[in-house]
Each structure stands twice: as C-alpha cells, then as structure tokens.
C-alpha cells in the first residue's frame, strides 16, 4: 500500500459545510462511534471503493469503513448510496483529518457521509440440525484451498485444540497468530475472525452447541485483549466485530449457505475472491469453526456453567 506523504490542508468548519453529502447505511457494529459525540479521526487507507477512518479516543479499536454500494461490505462499514464508478473518494488522501459522530463522518472538507439507516451484521442461522451442519462443512471443505498461512505450524495446533475443545492450547495458539502476516488485515487475524464467527453463530444454532459458543467467548476475549497493540487498527476492529458475531456481508452469506438458507458454493467463491488472501483466510477460519462446532456439538458435553 502506498502512503501519501503530501501534507493536506486541515479541514475547517467551513470546509465541512461545503463537503458533498452522501447518504449511507451503517453497520450496528460501529453505532457507538457514529452515534456518539463527534470525535477526531484520520484516514488510514484509501481505495477506489473504500476509505478507512481511524477514530481517536475510542473505548476499543475503532476503524470505520466508508464503502461504495458495490464494494465488499465489512462489518464496520457505512455503505454509501453511490457506486464505485462515480469515484466518490477521488479527492480523499491518506492522512486526511476526519470527524466521526452525531450520525456523520466528515473527511477534511472533501466528503460527508450521513447515516440514514442501520443494518445488522449478525446473521440469524438457527435452528440448525447437526446433519445440515455436517453437509455444509463437507461442501465448504470441497472449495476451500490454500490460504495465507498454509503450512504454518501454529494454525495446525489451533485447529487441533479447537476440535478437541482444549481451551488452554487453543488460546495459546490463537494469541500467537494475532498480527501474523502482512497487510491491513494480516492472514492470522482474518482466520481468527472466521473462526470466532463460525464458533459463535453455528454453535449457537445447533443442538448441544454451548461448548462451541463457550470456546468462542474465551478465544474472543483472549485475542481482542491486546489486539490494538499487536496488529493493525483495522484488523483489531474486525476481531472485535467477529468476537461479537458481526460478519462481513460476504462471510455472512457463506454462513447462511452452511445453514442451508442460501446457495453455499457461489457465496464461498465470492468470499474467496476478495482481497489478496483475506477471502481465503476468512474461509479457512470459517471452515475450522464449522468443524469445531460440529465436533463439540456432536460430543454433547456441557460447557462449564451450562446445564446438562
């Protein structure tokens, strides 16, 4: 990613007023940042169909994505009512100042996004039979291939621990792959996000899935505790979203496919095609979470604190 080194003019109240206003649909995953009082932020990345804003003084890592209507839709997105071909971000630069809150995101007098409605990034999957989950696992496994950490030993140990419900070793392995890999969202973080989503959402949908949800609770707490210091601010935000069961539109479609609500293979191929390795990384995590939820639910052993 090329970082702009040119110093941009600091936005003023007058320039904010002059910025073009675009209506958007915002994820509930960023409601606290967007719906709260206005706070300072900064543009950390710009792409033709997305701009990423880091919000200062947030209680947890907070990066908000402004995306075009035809872009990949992460769980921290404000989806603007404009397609990429209209180039809504052509004047935005990395390093530009931003202000987020009061239902708006303002970028250095160049862009104003106003939230008109909210969307829920948490898909509803249940109730789901173990037979249906098993069928979905086989179908997803058939299209899942190499990913960013293929051949790395730590993800293998993570997989073994999750399938066995071994919390201590699962936490140890998960903490070791936070921030592992290059880019805005390292492969280790994308895989963990997929794992957390599948454990929580599929485990919560099948009979006897309490142990999978229990594992998601503890893994989520472990990997988000220091994510802000160990990986990128965007990846940390997405890990927090995944720990809450909040998925990208593309990952949610795969989960619905596993549950038999939508066609699985087309959804998986769309996810696999996103990013350089992000789609493949997320898919690997979803598959592992699916397998772990199936294994732990089939064992039907109550999680600590769960009624038998």
C-alpha atoms as a PDB file:
ATOM      1  CA  UNK A   1       0.000   0.000   0.000  1.00  0.00           C
ATOM      2  CA  UNK A   2       1.454   3.401  -0.995  1.00  0.00           C
ATOM      3  CA  UNK A   3       1.241   6.034   1.721  1.00  0.00           C
ATOM      4  CA  UNK A   4       0.758   9.642   0.701  1.00  0.00           C
ATOM      5  CA  UNK A   5       3.470  11.932   2.081  1.00  0.00           C
ATOM      6  CA  UNK A   6       1.972  15.207   0.846  1.00  0.00           C
ATOM      7  CA  UNK A   7       0.628  17.337   3.681  1.00  0.00           C
ATOM      8  CA  UNK A   8      -3.066  18.056   3.250  1.00  0.00           C
ATOM      9  CA  UNK A   9      -4.828  21.251   4.269  1.00  0.00           C
ATOM     10  CA  UNK A  10      -6.538  20.803   7.648  1.00  0.00           C
ATOM     11  CA  UNK A  11     -10.310  20.881   7.377  1.00  0.00           C
ATOM     12  CA  UNK A  12     -12.260  23.756   8.920  1.00  0.00           C
ATOM     13  CA  UNK A  13     -15.876  24.099   9.904  1.00  0.00           C
ATOM     14  CA  UNK A  14     -16.474  25.994   6.713  1.00  0.00           C
ATOM     15  CA  UNK A  15     -14.948  23.247   4.599  1.00  0.00           C
ATOM     16  CA  UNK A  16     -17.042  20.641   6.443  1.00  0.00           C
ATOM     17  CA  UNK A  17     -20.167  22.563   5.500  1.00  0.00           C
ATOM     18  CA  UNK A  18     -19.084  22.650   1.853  1.00  0.00           C
ATOM     19  CA  UNK A  19     -18.407  18.925   1.605  1.00  0.00           C
ATOM     20  CA  UNK A  20     -20.808  16.940  -0.584  1.00  0.00           C
ATOM     21  CA  UNK A  21     -23.191  14.822   1.496  1.00  0.00           C
ATOM     22  CA  UNK A  22     -23.782  11.168   0.685  1.00  0.00           C
ATOM     23  CA  UNK A  23     -26.447   9.047   2.378  1.00  0.00           C
ATOM     24  CA  UNK A  24     -25.312   5.772   3.893  1.00  0.00           C
ATOM     25  CA  UNK A  25     -26.469   2.620   5.651  1.00  0.00           C
ATOM     26  CA  UNK A  26     -24.271   1.983   8.690  1.00  0.00           C
ATOM     27  CA  UNK A  27     -23.487  -1.275  10.443  1.00  0.00           C
ATOM     28  CA  UNK A  28     -24.637  -1.647  14.022  1.00  0.00           C
ATOM     29  CA  UNK A  29     -21.049  -2.705  14.672  1.00  0.00           C
ATOM     30  CA  UNK A  30     -19.942   0.940  14.587  1.00  0.00           C
ATOM     31  CA  UNK A  31     -23.038   2.501  16.114  1.00  0.00           C
ATOM     32  CA  UNK A  32     -21.239   3.598  19.287  1.00  0.00           C
ATOM     33  CA  UNK A  33     -18.658   5.532  17.271  1.00  0.00           C
ATOM     34  CA  UNK A  34     -21.050   7.032  14.737  1.00  0.00           C
ATOM     35  CA  UNK A  35     -23.946   7.652  17.081  1.00  0.00           C
ATOM     36  CA  UNK A  36     -21.916   9.228  19.863  1.00  0.00           C
ATOM     37  CA  UNK A  37     -20.467  12.723  20.190  1.00  0.00           C
ATOM     38  CA  UNK A  38     -18.192  13.935  17.425  1.00  0.00           C
ATOM     39  CA  UNK A  39     -14.577  12.788  17.708  1.00  0.00           C
ATOM     40  CA  UNK A  40     -11.446  13.402  15.734  1.00  0.00           C
ATOM     41  CA  UNK A  41     -10.104  10.735  13.395  1.00  0.00           C
ATOM     42  CA  UNK A  42      -7.837  10.242  10.420  1.00  0.00           C
ATOM     43  CA  UNK A  43      -7.899   8.479   7.059  1.00  0.00           C
ATOM     44  CA  UNK A  44      -5.606   5.450   7.252  1.00  0.00           C
ATOM     45  CA  UNK A  45      -6.242   3.915   3.822  1.00  0.00           C
ATOM     46  CA  UNK A  46      -7.908   4.865   0.549  1.00  0.00           C
ATOM     47  CA  UNK A  47      -9.024   2.542  -2.229  1.00  0.00           C
ATOM     48  CA  UNK A  48     -11.276   3.181  -5.252  1.00  0.00           C
ATOM     49  CA  UNK A  49     -14.309   1.689  -3.478  1.00  0.00           C
ATOM     50  CA  UNK A  50     -13.455   2.175   0.220  1.00  0.00           C
ATOM     51  CA  UNK A  51     -11.973   4.643   2.695  1.00  0.00           C
ATOM     52  CA  UNK A  52     -10.924   3.636   6.212  1.00  0.00           C
ATOM     53  CA  UNK A  53     -11.117   6.110   9.104  1.00  0.00           C
ATOM     54  CA  UNK A  54      -9.465   5.535  12.478  1.00  0.00           C
ATOM     55  CA  UNK A  55     -11.412   7.178  15.309  1.00  0.00           C
ATOM     56  CA  UNK A  56      -9.435   8.650  18.219  1.00  0.00           C
ATOM     57  CA  UNK A  57     -10.188   8.073  21.907  1.00  0.00           C
ATOM     58  CA  UNK A  58     -12.325   5.004  21.338  1.00  0.00           C
ATOM     59  CA  UNK A  59     -13.012   2.530  24.138  1.00  0.00           C
ATOM     60  CA  UNK A  60     -11.876  -0.223  21.776  1.00  0.00           C
ATOM     61  CA  UNK A  61     -10.038  -0.161  18.430  1.00  0.00           C
ATOM     62  CA  UNK A  62     -12.376   1.738  16.122  1.00  0.00           C
ATOM     63  CA  UNK A  63     -11.917   1.886  12.380  1.00  0.00           C
ATOM     64  CA  UNK A  64     -14.891   2.771  10.217  1.00  0.00           C
ATOM     65  CA  UNK A  65     -15.073   1.837   6.543  1.00  0.00           C
ATOM     66  CA  UNK A  66     -16.887   4.082   4.080  1.00  0.00           C
ATOM     67  CA  UNK A  67     -17.678   1.912   1.068  1.00  0.00           C
ATOM     68  CA  UNK A  68     -19.414   2.283  -2.253  1.00  0.00           C
ATOM     69  CA  UNK A  69     -22.638   0.390  -2.845  1.00  0.00           C
ATOM     70  CA  UNK A  70     -20.875  -2.235  -4.987  1.00  0.00           C
ATOM     71  CA  UNK A  71     -17.862  -2.858  -2.719  1.00  0.00           C
ATOM     72  CA  UNK A  72     -17.052  -5.643  -0.299  1.00  0.00           C
ATOM     73  CA  UNK A  73     -19.057  -4.898   2.852  1.00  0.00           C
ATOM     74  CA  UNK A  74     -17.168  -5.435   6.132  1.00  0.00           C
ATOM     75  CA  UNK A  75     -18.999  -5.442   9.478  1.00  0.00           C
ATOM     76  CA  UNK A  76     -17.685  -1.947  10.279  1.00  0.00           C
ATOM     77  CA  UNK A  77     -18.987  -0.349   7.087  1.00  0.00           C
ATOM     78  CA  UNK A  78     -21.082   2.641   6.206  1.00  0.00           C
ATOM     79  CA  UNK A  79     -22.374   1.675   2.768  1.00  0.00           C
ATOM     80  CA  UNK A  80     -22.858   4.794   0.683  1.00  0.00           C
ATOM     81  CA  UNK A  81     -25.631   5.125  -1.881  1.00  0.00           C
ATOM     82  CA  UNK A  82     -23.189   5.590  -4.743  1.00  0.00           C
ATOM     83  CA  UNK A  83     -21.386   3.051  -6.973  1.00  0.00           C
ATOM     84  CA  UNK A  84     -17.642   2.888  -7.413  1.00  0.00           C
ATOM     85  CA  UNK A  85     -17.796   4.151 -10.984  1.00  0.00           C
ATOM     86  CA  UNK A  86     -18.730   7.601  -9.652  1.00  0.00           C
ATOM     87  CA  UNK A  87     -15.385   7.747  -7.780  1.00  0.00           C
ATOM     88  CA  UNK A  88     -16.711   9.283  -4.542  1.00  0.00           C
ATOM     89  CA  UNK A  89     -13.276   9.014  -2.868  1.00  0.00           C
ATOM     90  CA  UNK A  90     -11.163  10.521  -5.643  1.00  0.00           C
ATOM     91  CA  UNK A  91     -10.314  13.626  -3.579  1.00  0.00           C
ATOM     92  CA  UNK A  92      -9.592  11.752  -0.321  1.00  0.00           C
ATOM     93  CA  UNK A  93      -5.995  11.104   0.713  1.00  0.00           C
ATOM     94  CA  UNK A  94      -4.329   9.002   3.399  1.00  0.00           C
ATOM     95  CA  UNK A  95      -3.623  11.204   6.380  1.00  0.00           C
ATOM     96  CA  UNK A  96      -6.635  13.473   5.840  1.00  0.00           C
ATOM     97  CA  UNK A  97      -8.327  14.584   9.041  1.00  0.00           C
ATOM     98  CA  UNK A  98     -11.779  13.236   9.777  1.00  0.00           C
ATOM     99  CA  UNK A  99     -14.558  13.761  12.305  1.00  0.00           C
ATOM    100  CA  UNK A 100     -16.933  10.981  13.285  1.00  0.00           C
ATOM    101  CA  UNK A 101     -20.101  11.198  15.391  1.00  0.00           C
ATOM    102  CA  UNK A 102     -23.593  12.669  15.542  1.00  0.00           C
ATOM    103  CA  UNK A 103     -24.563  10.298  12.731  1.00  0.00           C
ATOM    104  CA  UNK A 104     -21.950  11.667  10.326  1.00  0.00           C
ATOM    105  CA  UNK A 105     -18.449  11.026   9.048  1.00  0.00           C
ATOM    106  CA  UNK A 106     -16.635  14.087   7.674  1.00  0.00           C
ATOM    107  CA  UNK A 107     -13.353  13.912   5.761  1.00  0.00           C
ATOM    108  CA  UNK A 108     -11.305  17.135   5.598  1.00  0.00           C
ATOM    109  CA  UNK A 109     -13.945  19.068   3.667  1.00  0.00           C
ATOM    110  CA  UNK A 110     -13.831  16.505   0.862  1.00  0.00           C
ATOM    111  CA  UNK A 111     -16.592  14.114   1.863  1.00  0.00           C
ATOM    112  CA  UNK A 112     -19.572  13.984   4.218  1.00  0.00           C
ATOM    113  CA  UNK A 113     -21.422  10.725   4.904  1.00  0.00           C
ATOM    114  CA  UNK A 114     -24.745  10.910   6.746  1.00  0.00           C
ATOM    115  CA  UNK A 115     -26.258   7.759   8.265  1.00  0.00           C
ATOM    116  CA  UNK A 116     -29.848   7.324   7.079  1.00  0.00           C
ATOM    117  CA  UNK A 117     -30.424   3.791   8.329  1.00  0.00           C
ATOM    118  CA  UNK A 118     -28.692   0.933  10.138  1.00  0.00           C
ATOM    119  CA  UNK A 119     -28.055  -2.668   9.139  1.00  0.00           C
ATOM    120  CA  UNK A 120     -27.340  -5.682  11.353  1.00  0.00           C
ATOM    121  CA  UNK A 121     -24.093  -7.563  10.552  1.00  0.00           C
ATOM    122  CA  UNK A 122     -25.095 -10.574  12.675  1.00  0.00           C
ATOM    123  CA  UNK A 123     -26.767 -13.279  10.551  1.00  0.00           C
ATOM    124  CA  UNK A 124     -29.519 -15.393  12.117  1.00  0.00           C
ATOM    125  CA  UNK A 125     -28.775 -19.046  11.334  1.00  0.00           C
ATOM    126  CA  UNK A 126     -30.785 -21.267  13.658  1.00  0.00           C
ATOM    127  CA  UNK A 127     -32.233 -23.602  14.436  1.00  0.00           C
ATOM    128  CA  UNK A 128     -29.816 -25.858  12.558  1.00  0.00           C
ATOM    129  CA  UNK A 129     -29.524 -29.642  12.668  1.00  0.00           C
ATOM    130  CA  UNK A 130     -26.189 -31.406  13.051  1.00  0.00           C
ATOM    131  CA  UNK A 131     -26.877 -33.225   9.785  1.00  0.00           C
ATOM    132  CA  UNK A 132     -27.291 -29.890   7.980  1.00  0.00           C
ATOM    133  CA  UNK A 133     -24.112 -28.559   9.588  1.00  0.00           C
ATOM    134  CA  UNK A 134     -22.219 -31.682   8.534  1.00  0.00           C
ATOM    135  CA  UNK A 135     -23.438 -31.282   4.956  1.00  0.00           C
ATOM    136  CA  UNK A 136     -22.388 -27.628   4.932  1.00  0.00           C
ATOM    137  CA  UNK A 137     -18.956 -28.490   6.344  1.00  0.00           C
ATOM    138  CA  UNK A 138     -18.313 -31.006   3.564  1.00  0.00           C
ATOM    139  CA  UNK A 139     -19.457 -28.590   0.868  1.00  0.00           C
ATOM    140  CA  UNK A 140     -17.300 -25.743   2.180  1.00  0.00           C
ATOM    141  CA  UNK A 141     -14.302 -28.037   2.585  1.00  0.00           C
ATOM    142  CA  UNK A 142     -14.585 -29.037  -1.067  1.00  0.00           C
ATOM    143  CA  UNK A 143     -13.991 -25.463  -2.271  1.00  0.00           C
ATOM    144  CA  UNK A 144     -11.513 -24.311   0.386  1.00  0.00           C
ATOM    145  CA  UNK A 145      -7.879 -24.277  -0.730  1.00  0.00           C
ATOM    146  CA  UNK A 146      -4.542 -22.731   0.258  1.00  0.00           C
ATOM    147  CA  UNK A 147      -4.540 -19.582   2.345  1.00  0.00           C
ATOM    148  CA  UNK A 148      -2.056 -17.038   3.653  1.00  0.00           C
ATOM    149  CA  UNK A 149      -0.603 -19.227   6.420  1.00  0.00           C
ATOM    150  CA  UNK A 150      -0.773 -22.597   4.672  1.00  0.00           C
ATOM    151  CA  UNK A 151       1.982 -24.820   6.015  1.00  0.00           C
ATOM    152  CA  UNK A 152       2.473 -22.784   9.183  1.00  0.00           C
ATOM    153  CA  UNK A 153       2.541 -24.942  12.308  1.00  0.00           C
ATOM    154  CA  UNK A 154       0.643 -22.656  14.698  1.00  0.00           C
ATOM    155  CA  UNK A 155      -2.689 -22.718  12.798  1.00  0.00           C
ATOM    156  CA  UNK A 156      -2.432 -26.505  12.762  1.00  0.00           C
ATOM    157  CA  UNK A 157      -2.101 -26.516  16.549  1.00  0.00           C
ATOM    158  CA  UNK A 158      -5.025 -24.101  16.776  1.00  0.00           C
ATOM    159  CA  UNK A 159      -7.160 -26.434  14.677  1.00  0.00           C
ATOM    160  CA  UNK A 160      -6.278 -29.483  16.773  1.00  0.00           C
ATOM    161  CA  UNK A 161      -7.055 -27.664  20.021  1.00  0.00           C
ATOM    162  CA  UNK A 162     -10.383 -26.290  18.788  1.00  0.00           C
ATOM    163  CA  UNK A 163     -11.568 -29.663  17.528  1.00  0.00           C
ATOM    164  CA  UNK A 164     -10.725 -31.173  20.909  1.00  0.00           C
ATOM    165  CA  UNK A 165     -12.255 -28.314  22.895  1.00  0.00           C
ATOM    166  CA  UNK A 166      -8.851 -27.745  24.511  1.00  0.00           C
ATOM    167  CA  UNK A 167      -9.185 -24.148  25.684  1.00  0.00           C
ATOM    168  CA  UNK A 168      -5.679 -23.625  27.053  1.00  0.00           C
ATOM    169  CA  UNK A 169      -3.900 -24.762  23.892  1.00  0.00           C
ATOM    170  CA  UNK A 170      -6.439 -23.027  21.643  1.00  0.00           C
ATOM    171  CA  UNK A 171      -5.871 -19.702  23.403  1.00  0.00           C
ATOM    172  CA  UNK A 172      -2.094 -20.140  23.253  1.00  0.00           C
ATOM    173  CA  UNK A 173      -2.150 -20.839  19.508  1.00  0.00           C
ATOM    174  CA  UNK A 174      -4.664 -18.081  18.755  1.00  0.00           C
ATOM    175  CA  UNK A 175      -2.611 -15.459  20.586  1.00  0.00           C
ATOM    176  CA  UNK A 176       0.446 -16.492  18.581  1.00  0.00           C
ATOM    177  CA  UNK A 177      -1.175 -15.773  15.217  1.00  0.00           C
ATOM    178  CA  UNK A 178      -2.670 -12.371  16.068  1.00  0.00           C
ATOM    179  CA  UNK A 179      -0.973  -9.958  13.671  1.00  0.00           C
ATOM    180  CA  UNK A 180       0.758 -12.753  11.747  1.00  0.00           C
ATOM    181  CA  UNK A 181       1.103 -11.826   8.084  1.00  0.00           C
ATOM    182  CA  UNK A 182       1.398  -8.631   6.011  1.00  0.00           C
ATOM    183  CA  UNK A 183      -1.165  -6.013   5.017  1.00  0.00           C
ATOM    184  CA  UNK A 184      -4.013  -4.070   6.589  1.00  0.00           C
ATOM    185  CA  UNK A 185      -5.622  -7.302   7.768  1.00  0.00           C
ATOM    186  CA  UNK A 186      -2.943  -9.969   8.382  1.00  0.00           C
ATOM    187  CA  UNK A 187      -3.813 -13.552   7.499  1.00  0.00           C
ATOM    188  CA  UNK A 188      -3.785 -14.696  11.109  1.00  0.00           C
ATOM    189  CA  UNK A 189      -6.366 -12.089  12.076  1.00  0.00           C
ATOM    190  CA  UNK A 190      -8.657 -12.866   9.148  1.00  0.00           C
ATOM    191  CA  UNK A 191      -8.534 -16.568  10.001  1.00  0.00           C
ATOM    192  CA  UNK A 192      -9.286 -15.873  13.660  1.00  0.00           C
ATOM    193  CA  UNK A 193     -12.220 -13.681  12.652  1.00  0.00           C
ATOM    194  CA  UNK A 194     -13.691 -16.514  10.591  1.00  0.00           C
ATOM    195  CA  UNK A 195     -13.139 -18.980  13.423  1.00  0.00           C
ATOM    196  CA  UNK A 196     -14.823 -16.759  16.017  1.00  0.00           C
ATOM    197  CA  UNK A 197     -17.796 -16.135  13.740  1.00  0.00           C
ATOM    198  CA  UNK A 198     -18.389 -19.801  12.976  1.00  0.00           C
ATOM    199  CA  UNK A 199     -17.961 -20.968  16.570  1.00  0.00           C
ATOM    200  CA  UNK A 200     -20.375 -18.379  17.917  1.00  0.00           C
ATOM    201  CA  UNK A 201     -23.015 -18.347  15.194  1.00  0.00           C
ATOM    202  CA  UNK A 202     -23.053 -22.006  14.160  1.00  0.00           C
ATOM    203  CA  UNK A 203     -22.535 -23.193  17.731  1.00  0.00           C
ATOM    204  CA  UNK A 204     -25.447 -21.037  18.799  1.00  0.00           C
ATOM    205  CA  UNK A 205     -27.672 -22.525  16.101  1.00  0.00           C
ATOM    206  CA  UNK A 206     -27.196 -26.276  16.633  1.00  0.00           C
ATOM    207  CA  UNK A 207     -28.394 -28.501  19.484  1.00  0.00           C
ATOM    208  CA  UNK A 208     -25.663 -29.058  22.050  1.00  0.00           C
ATOM    209  CA  UNK A 209     -23.639 -26.147  20.685  1.00  0.00           C
ATOM    210  CA  UNK A 210     -22.994 -24.477  24.024  1.00  0.00           C
ATOM    211  CA  UNK A 211     -19.399 -25.674  24.191  1.00  0.00           C
ATOM    212  CA  UNK A 212     -18.599 -24.085  20.822  1.00  0.00           C
ATOM    213  CA  UNK A 213     -20.058 -20.767  21.995  1.00  0.00           C
ATOM    214  CA  UNK A 214     -18.106 -21.101  25.245  1.00  0.00           C
ATOM    215  CA  UNK A 215     -14.909 -21.578  23.231  1.00  0.00           C
ATOM    216  CA  UNK A 216     -15.778 -18.527  21.121  1.00  0.00           C
ATOM    217  CA  UNK A 217     -16.275 -16.449  24.273  1.00  0.00           C
ATOM    218  CA  UNK A 218     -12.862 -17.289  25.682  1.00  0.00           C
ATOM    219  CA  UNK A 219     -10.974 -17.127  22.384  1.00  0.00           C
ATOM    220  CA  UNK A 220     -12.611 -13.805  21.553  1.00  0.00           C
ATOM    221  CA  UNK A 221     -11.649 -12.340  24.903  1.00  0.00           C
ATOM    222  CA  UNK A 222      -8.079 -13.582  24.533  1.00  0.00           C
ATOM    223  CA  UNK A 223      -7.379 -12.308  21.023  1.00  0.00           C
ATOM    224  CA  UNK A 224      -9.055  -8.924  21.475  1.00  0.00           C
ATOM    225  CA  UNK A 225      -7.482  -8.135  24.851  1.00  0.00           C
ATOM    226  CA  UNK A 226      -4.275  -6.752  23.342  1.00  0.00           C
ATOM    227  CA  UNK A 227      -5.146  -6.700  19.642  1.00  0.00           C
ATOM    228  CA  UNK A 228      -4.754  -2.924  19.490  1.00  0.00           C
ATOM    229  CA  UNK A 229      -1.062  -3.325  20.337  1.00  0.00           C
ATOM    230  CA  UNK A 230      -0.325  -6.464  18.325  1.00  0.00           C
ATOM    231  CA  UNK A 231      -1.924  -5.895  14.945  1.00  0.00           C
ATOM    232  CA  UNK A 232      -3.266  -3.125  12.721  1.00  0.00           C
ATOM    233  CA  UNK A 233      -6.106  -0.931  13.936  1.00  0.00           C
ATOM    234  CA  UNK A 234      -8.351  -2.235  11.153  1.00  0.00           C
ATOM    235  CA  UNK A 235      -7.629  -5.886  11.938  1.00  0.00           C
ATOM    236  CA  UNK A 236      -8.176  -5.238  15.653  1.00  0.00           C
ATOM    237  CA  UNK A 237     -11.558  -3.666  14.896  1.00  0.00           C
ATOM    238  CA  UNK A 238     -12.594  -6.637  12.764  1.00  0.00           C
ATOM    239  CA  UNK A 239     -11.540  -9.049  15.518  1.00  0.00           C
ATOM    240  CA  UNK A 240     -13.755  -7.170  17.978  1.00  0.00           C
ATOM    241  CA  UNK A 241     -16.629  -7.391  15.483  1.00  0.00           C
ATOM    242  CA  UNK A 242     -16.100 -11.126  14.967  1.00  0.00           C
ATOM    243  CA  UNK A 243     -15.973 -11.749  18.710  1.00  0.00           C
ATOM    244  CA  UNK A 244     -19.473 -10.217  18.883  1.00  0.00           C
ATOM    245  CA  UNK A 245     -20.698 -12.358  15.976  1.00  0.00           C
ATOM    246  CA  UNK A 246     -20.681  -9.487  13.464  1.00  0.00           C
ATOM    247  CA  UNK A 247     -19.711 -10.636   9.969  1.00  0.00           C
ATOM    248  CA  UNK A 248     -18.966  -9.070   6.633  1.00  0.00           C
ATOM    249  CA  UNK A 249     -21.760  -9.386   4.086  1.00  0.00           C
ATOM    250  CA  UNK A 250     -19.665 -11.947   2.188  1.00  0.00           C
ATOM    251  CA  UNK A 251     -18.833 -14.070   5.258  1.00  0.00           C
ATOM    252  CA  UNK A 252     -22.460 -13.930   6.404  1.00  0.00           C
ATOM    253  CA  UNK A 253     -23.532 -15.306   3.021  1.00  0.00           C
ATOM    254  CA  UNK A 254     -21.197 -18.283   3.494  1.00  0.00           C
ATOM    255  CA  UNK A 255     -22.582 -18.912   6.979  1.00  0.00           C
ATOM    256  CA  UNK A 256     -26.124 -18.785   5.621  1.00  0.00           C
ATOM    257  CA  UNK A 257     -25.016 -21.216   2.922  1.00  0.00           C
ATOM    258  CA  UNK A 258     -23.697 -23.632   5.539  1.00  0.00           C
ATOM    259  CA  UNK A 259     -27.064 -23.359   7.285  1.00  0.00           C
ATOM    260  CA  UNK A 260     -28.892 -24.141   4.040  1.00  0.00           C
ATOM    261  CA  UNK A 261     -30.507 -20.718   3.737  1.00  0.00           C
ATOM    262  CA  UNK A 262     -28.570 -19.611   0.630  1.00  0.00           C
ATOM    263  CA  UNK A 263     -26.530 -21.384  -2.075  1.00  0.00           C
ATOM    264  CA  UNK A 264     -23.177 -22.122  -0.433  1.00  0.00           C
ATOM    265  CA  UNK A 265     -20.739 -22.637  -3.300  1.00  0.00           C
ATOM    266  CA  UNK A 266     -21.390 -19.297  -5.081  1.00  0.00           C
ATOM    267  CA  UNK A 267     -21.147 -17.484  -1.737  1.00  0.00           C
ATOM    268  CA  UNK A 268     -17.874 -19.232  -0.889  1.00  0.00           C
ATOM    269  CA  UNK A 269     -16.392 -18.376  -4.275  1.00  0.00           C
ATOM    270  CA  UNK A 270     -17.327 -14.718  -3.844  1.00  0.00           C
ATOM    271  CA  UNK A 271     -15.636 -14.668  -0.445  1.00  0.00           C
ATOM    272  CA  UNK A 272     -12.549 -16.473  -1.752  1.00  0.00           C
ATOM    273  CA  UNK A 273     -12.194 -13.822  -4.470  1.00  0.00           C
ATOM    274  CA  UNK A 274     -11.973 -10.900  -2.018  1.00  0.00           C
ATOM    275  CA  UNK A 275      -8.645  -9.264  -1.276  1.00  0.00           C
ATOM    276  CA  UNK A 276      -5.210 -10.762  -1.877  1.00  0.00           C
ATOM    277  CA  UNK A 277      -5.581 -13.576   0.668  1.00  0.00           C
ATOM    278  CA  UNK A 278      -8.233 -12.169   3.030  1.00  0.00           C
ATOM    279  CA  UNK A 279     -11.075 -14.143   1.487  1.00  0.00           C
ATOM    280  CA  UNK A 280      -9.127 -17.398   1.630  1.00  0.00           C
ATOM    281  CA  UNK A 281      -8.008 -16.645   5.197  1.00  0.00           C
ATOM    282  CA  UNK A 282     -11.557 -15.959   6.373  1.00  0.00           C
ATOM    283  CA  UNK A 283     -12.806 -19.086   4.622  1.00  0.00           C
ATOM    284  CA  UNK A 284     -10.183 -21.225   6.367  1.00  0.00           C
ATOM    285  CA  UNK A 285     -11.321 -19.828   9.713  1.00  0.00           C
ATOM    286  CA  UNK A 286     -14.989 -20.383   8.898  1.00  0.00           C
ATOM    287  CA  UNK A 287     -14.272 -23.982   7.918  1.00  0.00           C
ATOM    288  CA  UNK A 288     -12.312 -24.639  11.108  1.00  0.00           C
ATOM    289  CA  UNK A 289     -15.071 -23.068  13.197  1.00  0.00           C
ATOM    290  CA  UNK A 290     -17.673 -25.143  11.379  1.00  0.00           C
ATOM    291  CA  UNK A 291     -15.723 -28.338  12.034  1.00  0.00           C
ATOM    292  CA  UNK A 292     -15.132 -27.434  15.672  1.00  0.00           C
ATOM    293  CA  UNK A 293     -18.798 -26.564  16.239  1.00  0.00           C
ATOM    294  CA  UNK A 294     -19.762 -29.892  14.692  1.00  0.00           C
ATOM    295  CA  UNK A 295     -17.240 -31.868  16.755  1.00  0.00           C
ATOM    296  CA  UNK A 296     -18.066 -30.167  20.042  1.00  0.00           C
ATOM    297  CA  UNK A 297     -21.825 -30.331  19.479  1.00  0.00           C
ATOM    298  CA  UNK A 298     -21.706 -33.993  18.475  1.00  0.00           C
ATOM    299  CA  UNK A 299     -19.822 -34.749  21.683  1.00  0.00           C
ATOM    300  CA  UNK A 300     -22.728 -33.056  23.527  1.00  0.00           C
ATOM    301  CA  UNK A 301     -20.645 -32.488  26.651  1.00  0.00           C
ATOM    302  CA  UNK A 302     -21.925 -29.472  28.606  1.00  0.00           C
ATOM    303  CA  UNK A 303     -19.665 -26.432  28.695  1.00  0.00           C
ATOM    304  CA  UNK A 304     -18.609 -25.152  32.111  1.00  0.00           C
ATOM    305  CA  UNK A 305     -21.600 -23.373  33.622  1.00  0.00           C
ATOM    306  CA  UNK A 306     -24.030 -24.889  31.089  1.00  0.00           C
ATOM    307  CA  UNK A 307     -26.928 -27.015  32.299  1.00  0.00           C
ATOM    308  CA  UNK A 308     -26.646 -30.645  31.192  1.00  0.00           C
END
